[in-house]
Amino acid sequence: MLLTRDLIPVLGLAALGAAAAYSALAVAATIRWRRRGPEEPAAPAEPVSILKPLCGAEPGLYQQLASFCAQDYPVYELIFGIRDPADPARAVVERLAAQFPAVPIRLVSDPQLHGSNYKVSNLINMLRAARHELLAVSDSDAQVGPDYLARVTAPLADRRIGLVTSLYRAVPTPGIWSRIGAMYINEWYMPCVRLAWMFGHKGYVSGQTMCLRRSTLEAGGGLPALANHLPEDHRLGELVHAQGLSVVVSSYPVTGEHHEPSYGSMVRHELRWMCTLRVLKPWGFAWLFLTFSLPLALAGLALVHLGAPAALTHRAALGLAVVVLACRLALHLAHRRARERAVITDLWLLPVRDLLLCWVWIRAFVNTRVTWRGHEFTVDPGGLMRRMS
């Protein structure tokens, strides 16, 4: 019993130490990432086909797509794809075509499915209309500046590089669930990605930007090789690596609008993303709790208190807790921009966000179903999707 009582504060200090170490490293990775220099545009710039799969007219869609129509780039075209001819995104594309007559814009409407991943099926249908060797695939909610295309295609001038991707910042639409959902991206997922990048991990690929040569895509089996995978972006990275080519994360900051109309919508999205992480890293997934800094620190403080330790241990625990809190606040503030919500607006959401993160993580251990665009799928351990009848 004495041994157990003595061990409790040790476990508490270990939990606090792990939370403080992760938090400090995440802040260091964020600082290091921001000190990266921009890529130099390639010369001469090659023509690019931008592929934009669409499904519905989510808030801000026109502004997001319009940002791709105003690129400071010599020759490029925009291919939009929908599966349903009555999709409201059609009207948005028609409006863009009228406003940007100098930009080649084509809309592909094709319901044909090539696998269980509807986004990839849409891309397969769209690729037939693309005319150029360089391809830039980007999600519909991405918004960029006029230098985006030049920046993300620049690394492909080096033929040892097969794929360029990007980090992104989520900007919430009005509403509490959108704000909490955006915190998942900005304050947990992106810091994890930057930390992995700092330590040399090369497996990250995001659908916000996937820029590659058509020949590279075809050599890896083409889009049909991705058609049944839940993490199609990660799978594309694997196919590029298998060719002996590198995947580069561009320093260009993509912005993605984050819209969550309800608690249920937010949890469904995050559960799908967590299941994706479980599929990609089944052994490492169990250790993700080390990245939940506030809940881990609170658990550590509780254990230290239960152990009735000496004053020195109390002071050590308090010091580690202060480090965790300071770093958590730093990650909360690091992504915010001038003229956005007041600095203190979302502070009260920090414990809510982190506890919800724990809840979704726990559910993902046993969850084998995901919801995507209103359809339900089962996901096997290899990441293959099957639509439920």
Protein backbone atom coordinates (compact mmCIF):
# COMPACT_ATOMS: atom_id res chain seq x y z
CA MET A 1 0.00 0.00 0.00
CA LEU A 2 2.85 2.39 0.85
CA LEU A 3 4.53 1.63 -2.45
CA THR A 4 1.30 2.37 -4.28
CA ARG A 5 0.81 5.60 -2.35
CA ASP A 6 4.37 6.67 -3.14
CA LEU A 7 3.91 5.78 -6.81
CA ILE A 8 0.81 7.93 -7.33
CA PRO A 9 2.59 11.33 -7.21
CA VAL A 10 5.36 9.94 -9.40
CA LEU A 11 2.78 9.02 -12.03
CA GLY A 12 1.24 12.45 -11.64
CA LEU A 13 4.57 14.17 -12.20
CA ALA A 14 5.23 11.90 -15.20
CA ALA A 15 1.89 12.92 -16.73
CA LEU A 16 2.62 16.59 -16.11
CA GLY A 17 6.13 16.22 -17.52
CA ALA A 18 4.82 14.55 -20.67
CA ALA A 19 2.18 17.26 -21.15
CA ALA A 20 4.75 20.03 -20.61
CA ALA A 21 7.28 18.41 -22.96
CA TYR A 22 4.77 17.95 -25.77
CA SER A 23 3.40 21.47 -25.33
CA ALA A 24 6.84 23.07 -25.41
CA LEU A 25 7.88 21.06 -28.46
CA ALA A 26 4.65 21.97 -30.27
CA VAL A 27 5.30 25.66 -29.66
CA ALA A 28 8.94 25.26 -30.79
CA ALA A 29 7.79 23.51 -33.98
CA THR A 30 5.31 26.33 -34.68
CA ILE A 31 8.04 28.94 -34.27
CA ARG A 32 10.44 26.99 -36.46
CA TRP A 33 7.78 26.52 -39.15
CA ARG A 34 7.09 30.25 -39.28
CA ARG A 35 10.77 30.97 -39.83
CA ARG A 36 10.81 28.98 -43.08
CA GLY A 37 11.50 30.99 -46.18
CA PRO A 38 9.11 30.92 -49.16
CA GLU A 39 9.82 28.76 -52.19
CA GLU A 40 11.19 30.57 -55.22
CA PRO A 41 8.84 30.36 -58.22
CA ALA A 42 10.03 28.04 -60.97
CA ALA A 43 11.15 29.60 -64.26
CA PRO A 44 9.69 29.11 -66.73
CA ALA A 45 6.32 28.29 -65.14
CA GLU A 46 4.59 25.27 -66.68
CA PRO A 47 0.84 25.26 -67.46
CA VAL A 48 -1.28 23.86 -64.62
CA SER A 49 -4.69 22.20 -64.42
CA ILE A 50 -6.38 22.95 -61.09
CA LEU A 51 -8.90 20.27 -60.11
CA LYS A 52 -11.67 21.28 -57.70
CA PRO A 53 -14.16 18.55 -56.71
CA LEU A 54 -17.40 20.09 -55.43
CA CYS A 55 -20.40 18.86 -53.47
CA GLY A 56 -22.95 21.44 -52.39
CA ALA A 57 -22.66 25.19 -51.94
CA GLU A 58 -21.22 25.52 -48.45
CA PRO A 59 -20.83 29.01 -46.91
CA GLY A 60 -18.19 31.13 -48.60
CA LEU A 61 -17.84 28.84 -51.62
CA TYR A 62 -17.88 31.66 -54.17
CA GLN A 63 -15.10 33.63 -52.44
CA GLN A 64 -13.01 30.52 -51.99
CA LEU A 65 -13.25 29.41 -55.61
CA ALA A 66 -12.81 32.97 -56.88
CA SER A 67 -9.41 33.14 -55.18
CA PHE A 68 -8.23 30.41 -57.57
CA CYS A 69 -9.48 32.40 -60.55
CA ALA A 70 -7.20 35.33 -59.74
CA GLN A 71 -3.81 33.63 -59.79
CA ASP A 72 -0.70 35.53 -60.84
CA TYR A 73 0.39 32.68 -63.09
CA PRO A 74 0.98 32.58 -66.88
CA VAL A 75 -1.15 29.62 -67.99
CA TYR A 76 -3.62 27.63 -65.92
CA GLU A 77 -7.12 26.23 -66.14
CA LEU A 78 -9.78 25.36 -63.59
CA ILE A 79 -11.70 22.08 -63.75
CA PHE A 80 -14.68 21.84 -61.42
CA GLY A 81 -16.53 18.59 -60.85
CA ILE A 82 -19.98 17.70 -59.52
CA ARG A 83 -21.78 14.36 -59.44
CA ASP A 84 -25.35 15.67 -59.38
CA PRO A 85 -26.43 17.97 -62.24
CA ALA A 86 -28.71 19.78 -59.76
CA ASP A 87 -25.87 20.44 -57.31
CA PRO A 88 -26.13 24.11 -56.17
CA ALA A 89 -22.37 24.44 -56.73
CA ARG A 90 -23.16 24.55 -60.46
CA ALA A 91 -24.60 28.06 -60.14
CA VAL A 92 -21.46 29.20 -58.31
CA VAL A 93 -19.22 27.89 -61.11
CA GLU A 94 -21.40 29.53 -63.78
CA ARG A 95 -21.09 32.83 -61.92
CA LEU A 96 -17.30 32.44 -61.81
CA ALA A 97 -17.12 31.70 -65.53
CA ALA A 98 -19.05 34.92 -66.23
CA GLN A 99 -16.89 37.03 -63.93
CA PHE A 100 -13.52 35.60 -65.06
CA PRO A 101 -13.88 35.16 -68.85
CA ALA A 102 -10.09 35.15 -69.36
CA VAL A 103 -9.66 32.04 -67.19
CA PRO A 104 -10.39 28.68 -68.85
CA ILE A 105 -13.09 27.20 -66.61
CA ARG A 106 -14.82 23.89 -67.23
CA LEU A 107 -17.48 22.12 -65.23
CA VAL A 108 -17.69 18.33 -65.37
CA SER A 109 -20.99 16.84 -64.26
CA ASP A 110 -20.77 13.06 -64.07
CA PRO A 111 -22.43 10.69 -61.55
CA GLN A 112 -20.24 7.71 -62.47
CA LEU A 113 -18.65 6.02 -59.46
CA HIS A 114 -15.28 4.32 -59.65
CA GLY A 115 -15.05 3.23 -56.01
CA SER A 116 -16.38 3.98 -52.55
CA ASN A 117 -14.51 7.28 -52.20
CA TYR A 118 -16.87 9.73 -53.92
CA LYS A 119 -14.32 12.53 -53.97
CA VAL A 120 -11.83 10.38 -55.89
CA SER A 121 -14.58 9.24 -58.28
CA ASN A 122 -15.32 12.88 -58.96
CA LEU A 123 -11.62 13.55 -59.62
CA ILE A 124 -11.39 10.60 -62.03
CA ASN A 125 -14.26 12.05 -64.04
CA MET A 126 -12.68 15.51 -63.96
CA LEU A 127 -9.18 14.42 -64.94
CA ARG A 128 -10.37 13.50 -68.43
CA ALA A 129 -11.03 17.20 -69.08
CA ALA A 130 -7.63 18.39 -67.81
CA ARG A 131 -5.18 19.40 -70.54
CA HIS A 132 -1.90 20.04 -68.73
CA GLU A 133 0.89 17.91 -67.29
CA LEU A 134 1.03 19.72 -63.95
CA LEU A 135 -1.97 19.03 -61.72
CA ALA A 136 -3.04 20.89 -58.58
CA VAL A 137 -5.84 19.24 -56.61
CA SER A 138 -7.44 21.38 -53.92
CA ASP A 139 -10.46 21.03 -51.63
CA SER A 140 -13.45 23.27 -52.21
CA ASP A 141 -13.12 25.17 -48.90
CA ALA A 142 -9.56 26.38 -49.57
CA GLN A 143 -8.91 30.09 -50.07
CA VAL A 144 -5.59 31.43 -51.33
CA GLY A 145 -3.79 34.54 -52.53
CA PRO A 146 -2.69 35.33 -56.10
CA ASP A 147 0.82 33.88 -55.53
CA TYR A 148 -0.46 30.46 -54.43
CA LEU A 149 -0.03 28.58 -57.69
CA ALA A 150 3.48 29.89 -58.33
CA ARG A 151 4.55 28.96 -54.80
CA VAL A 152 3.14 25.43 -54.64
CA THR A 153 4.35 24.42 -58.10
CA ALA A 154 7.86 25.79 -57.54
CA PRO A 155 9.31 22.68 -55.83
CA LEU A 156 8.31 20.48 -58.79
CA ALA A 157 11.09 22.09 -60.83
CA ASP A 158 13.27 19.58 -58.96
CA ARG A 159 12.45 16.22 -60.58
CA ARG A 160 13.33 14.41 -57.34
CA ILE A 161 10.18 15.90 -55.82
CA GLY A 162 6.98 14.10 -56.74
CA LEU A 163 4.29 15.81 -54.67
CA VAL A 164 3.76 19.17 -52.98
CA THR A 165 1.21 19.58 -50.21
CA SER A 166 0.45 22.28 -47.63
CA LEU A 167 -0.56 23.03 -44.09
CA TYR A 168 -3.69 25.07 -43.57
CA ARG A 169 -5.51 27.29 -41.12
CA ALA A 170 -9.20 26.80 -40.39
CA VAL A 171 -11.35 29.93 -40.23
CA PRO A 172 -14.70 29.22 -38.55
CA THR A 173 -18.05 30.43 -39.79
CA PRO A 174 -20.26 32.05 -37.12
CA GLY A 175 -21.46 29.66 -34.46
CA ILE A 176 -19.94 27.95 -31.46
CA TRP A 177 -19.53 24.52 -33.05
CA SER A 178 -17.63 25.98 -35.99
CA ARG A 179 -15.33 27.76 -33.54
CA ILE A 180 -14.73 24.61 -31.51
CA GLY A 181 -14.23 22.58 -34.68
CA ALA A 182 -11.68 25.03 -36.07
CA MET A 183 -9.73 24.71 -32.82
CA TYR A 184 -9.33 21.00 -33.56
CA ILE A 185 -7.45 21.89 -36.75
CA ASN A 186 -5.53 24.95 -35.60
CA GLU A 187 -4.65 24.03 -32.04
CA TRP A 188 -4.26 20.28 -32.09
CA TYR A 189 -3.90 18.73 -35.54
CA MET A 190 -1.68 21.35 -37.19
CA PRO A 191 0.68 21.55 -34.17
CA CYS A 192 0.98 17.73 -34.30
CA VAL A 193 1.82 17.92 -38.02
CA ARG A 194 4.41 20.66 -37.49
CA LEU A 195 5.99 18.70 -34.66
CA ALA A 196 6.23 15.57 -36.81
CA TRP A 197 7.72 17.71 -39.61
CA MET A 198 10.34 19.14 -37.23
CA PHE A 199 11.49 15.61 -36.42
CA GLY A 200 11.72 14.63 -40.09
CA HIS A 201 8.42 12.82 -40.68
CA LYS A 202 7.59 12.74 -44.41
CA GLY A 203 4.16 11.11 -44.45
CA TYR A 204 1.87 14.14 -44.23
CA VAL A 205 -0.32 14.94 -47.26
CA SER A 206 -3.39 17.19 -47.22
CA GLY A 207 -6.23 17.49 -49.70
CA GLN A 208 -6.00 21.27 -49.35
CA THR A 209 -3.07 21.06 -51.78
CA MET A 210 -1.84 18.08 -53.76
CA CYS A 211 0.34 19.29 -56.62
CA LEU A 212 2.11 16.78 -58.86
CA ARG A 213 2.82 15.80 -62.45
CA ARG A 214 0.30 13.71 -64.33
CA SER A 215 3.11 11.28 -65.22
CA THR A 216 3.88 10.79 -61.51
CA LEU A 217 0.21 10.12 -60.78
CA GLU A 218 -0.08 7.59 -63.60
CA ALA A 219 3.15 5.82 -62.62
CA GLY A 220 1.66 5.22 -59.18
CA GLY A 221 -1.48 3.61 -60.59
CA GLY A 222 -3.46 6.78 -61.21
CA LEU A 223 -6.51 7.95 -59.32
CA PRO A 224 -8.18 4.50 -59.48
CA ALA A 225 -5.51 3.33 -57.00
CA LEU A 226 -7.07 5.73 -54.47
CA ALA A 227 -10.73 5.11 -55.28
CA ASN A 228 -11.58 2.95 -52.25
CA HIS A 229 -9.34 4.53 -49.61
CA LEU A 230 -10.61 6.76 -46.80
CA PRO A 231 -7.24 8.57 -46.46
CA GLU A 232 -6.81 9.09 -50.21
CA ASP A 233 -4.36 11.95 -49.70
CA HIS A 234 -2.07 9.85 -47.52
CA ARG A 235 -2.34 6.95 -49.96
CA LEU A 236 -1.25 9.25 -52.79
CA GLY A 237 1.81 10.18 -50.74
CA GLU A 238 2.65 6.50 -50.31
CA LEU A 239 2.42 5.91 -54.06
CA VAL A 240 4.73 8.86 -54.71
CA HIS A 241 7.26 7.65 -52.12
CA ALA A 242 7.17 4.19 -53.71
CA GLN A 243 8.58 5.75 -56.89
CA GLY A 244 11.59 7.05 -54.97
CA LEU A 245 10.29 10.62 -55.07
CA SER A 246 9.95 13.09 -52.20
CA VAL A 247 6.87 14.75 -50.76
CA VAL A 248 7.39 18.40 -49.84
CA VAL A 249 5.23 20.51 -47.52
CA SER A 250 4.99 23.99 -49.01
CA SER A 251 5.42 26.99 -46.74
CA TYR A 252 2.40 28.62 -48.39
CA PRO A 253 -0.36 29.23 -45.80
CA VAL A 254 -3.68 27.94 -47.18
CA THR A 255 -6.87 29.06 -45.45
CA GLY A 256 -9.85 26.72 -45.18
CA GLU A 257 -13.31 27.76 -44.06
CA HIS A 258 -14.63 25.54 -41.28
CA HIS A 259 -18.41 25.19 -41.04
CA GLU A 260 -20.05 23.06 -38.35
CA PRO A 261 -23.77 23.80 -38.02
CA SER A 262 -24.25 21.49 -35.01
CA TYR A 263 -22.55 19.37 -32.38
CA GLY A 264 -23.43 16.23 -34.33
CA SER A 265 -21.88 17.56 -37.51
CA MET A 266 -18.66 18.43 -35.69
CA VAL A 267 -18.36 15.05 -33.98
CA ARG A 268 -19.03 13.15 -37.23
CA HIS A 269 -16.26 15.07 -38.97
CA GLU A 270 -13.77 14.64 -36.15
CA LEU A 271 -14.62 10.98 -35.69
CA ARG A 272 -13.90 10.39 -39.38
CA TRP A 273 -10.58 12.19 -39.06
CA MET A 274 -9.68 10.27 -35.90
CA CYS A 275 -10.55 6.98 -37.58
CA THR A 276 -8.26 8.01 -40.43
CA LEU A 277 -5.42 8.57 -37.96
CA ARG A 278 -6.12 5.20 -36.37
CA VAL A 279 -5.93 3.51 -39.76
CA LEU A 280 -2.68 5.26 -40.67
CA LYS A 281 -0.90 4.72 -37.36
CA PRO A 282 -2.65 1.91 -35.45
CA TRP A 283 0.13 1.55 -32.87
CA GLY A 284 0.85 5.23 -32.46
CA PHE A 285 -2.85 6.06 -32.18
CA ALA A 286 -3.00 4.72 -28.63
CA TRP A 287 -0.32 7.22 -27.59
CA LEU A 288 -2.16 10.26 -28.90
CA PHE A 289 -3.28 11.01 -25.35
CA LEU A 290 0.20 12.47 -24.82
CA THR A 291 -0.81 15.32 -27.14
CA PHE A 292 -3.92 16.21 -25.10
CA SER A 293 -1.99 18.62 -22.93
CA LEU A 294 -4.67 20.16 -20.71
CA PRO A 295 -6.52 16.92 -19.81
CA LEU A 296 -3.21 15.13 -19.25
CA ALA A 297 -1.97 17.93 -17.01
CA LEU A 298 -5.23 17.96 -15.03
CA ALA A 299 -4.96 14.20 -14.54
CA GLY A 300 -1.36 14.66 -13.38
CA LEU A 301 -2.33 17.35 -10.88
CA ALA A 302 -5.09 15.12 -9.51
CA LEU A 303 -2.65 12.23 -9.02
CA VAL A 304 -0.12 14.48 -7.30
CA HIS A 305 -2.81 15.77 -4.97
CA LEU A 306 -4.07 12.26 -4.17
CA GLY A 307 -0.58 11.12 -3.33
CA ALA A 308 -0.25 13.72 -0.56
CA PRO A 309 3.38 14.45 -1.53
CA ALA A 310 5.98 16.75 -0.03
CA ALA A 311 5.92 20.49 -0.68
CA LEU A 312 8.75 20.14 -3.19
CA THR A 313 6.65 17.82 -5.33
CA HIS A 314 3.75 20.26 -5.10
CA ARG A 315 5.96 23.06 -6.42
CA ALA A 316 7.31 20.88 -9.24
CA ALA A 317 3.77 19.92 -10.25
CA LEU A 318 2.64 23.53 -10.19
CA GLY A 319 5.61 24.62 -12.29
CA LEU A 320 4.92 21.97 -14.93
CA ALA A 321 1.23 22.90 -14.97
CA VAL A 322 2.15 26.54 -15.60
CA VAL A 323 4.32 25.48 -18.56
CA VAL A 324 1.44 23.45 -20.01
CA LEU A 325 -1.03 26.31 -19.60
CA ALA A 326 1.34 28.89 -21.10
CA CYS A 327 2.10 26.72 -24.12
CA ARG A 328 -1.58 25.85 -24.61
CA LEU A 329 -2.42 29.55 -24.65
CA ALA A 330 0.42 30.16 -27.11
CA LEU A 331 -0.98 27.54 -29.51
CA HIS A 332 -4.43 29.09 -29.12
CA LEU A 333 -3.17 32.56 -30.04
CA ALA A 334 -0.56 31.64 -32.66
CA HIS A 335 -3.01 31.11 -35.54
CA ARG A 336 -5.26 34.11 -34.89
CA ARG A 337 -5.12 37.12 -37.20
CA ALA A 338 -5.68 40.82 -36.67
CA ARG A 339 -9.31 41.96 -36.79
CA GLU A 340 -10.58 38.48 -36.03
CA ARG A 341 -12.49 37.78 -32.82
CA ALA A 342 -11.17 39.41 -29.65
CA VAL A 343 -8.28 37.55 -28.07
CA ILE A 344 -10.23 36.47 -24.99
CA THR A 345 -13.41 35.42 -26.85
CA ASP A 346 -12.66 31.69 -27.01
CA LEU A 347 -10.48 31.20 -23.94
CA TRP A 348 -13.31 29.54 -22.05
CA LEU A 349 -13.58 26.99 -24.85
CA LEU A 350 -10.07 25.58 -24.31
CA PRO A 351 -11.03 22.95 -21.69
CA VAL A 352 -14.24 22.17 -23.61
CA ARG A 353 -12.28 21.65 -26.82
CA ASP A 354 -9.64 19.44 -25.22
CA LEU A 355 -12.12 17.28 -23.33
CA LEU A 356 -14.15 16.78 -26.51
CA LEU A 357 -10.92 15.79 -28.24
CA CYS A 358 -10.42 13.04 -25.65
CA TRP A 359 -14.00 11.87 -26.12
CA VAL A 360 -13.70 11.59 -29.89
CA TRP A 361 -10.34 9.80 -29.56
CA ILE A 362 -11.85 7.21 -27.19
CA ARG A 363 -14.80 6.62 -29.52
CA ALA A 364 -12.46 6.15 -32.49
CA PHE A 365 -10.93 3.05 -30.89
CA VAL A 366 -14.09 1.04 -31.45
CA ASN A 367 -15.74 2.95 -34.27
CA THR A 368 -15.66 1.31 -37.70
CA ARG A 369 -18.23 3.54 -39.37
CA VAL A 370 -17.75 7.02 -40.75
CA THR A 371 -20.14 9.53 -42.24
CA TRP A 372 -19.03 11.47 -45.30
CA ARG A 373 -21.25 13.89 -47.19
CA GLY A 374 -24.37 12.26 -45.77
CA HIS A 375 -23.36 8.68 -46.61
CA GLU A 376 -22.25 6.03 -44.13
CA PHE A 377 -19.28 3.74 -44.73
CA THR A 378 -17.48 1.00 -42.88
CA VAL A 379 -13.69 1.23 -42.78
CA ASP A 380 -11.44 -1.82 -42.49
CA PRO A 381 -8.01 -1.82 -40.78
CA GLY A 382 -6.35 -1.09 -44.11
CA GLY A 383 -8.35 2.11 -44.64
CA LEU A 384 -10.62 0.71 -47.37
CA MET A 385 -14.14 2.10 -47.39
CA ARG A 386 -17.35 0.23 -48.08
CA ARG A 387 -20.66 1.99 -48.34
CA MET A 388 -23.35 0.67 -46.05
CA SER A 389 -26.63 -0.27 -47.70
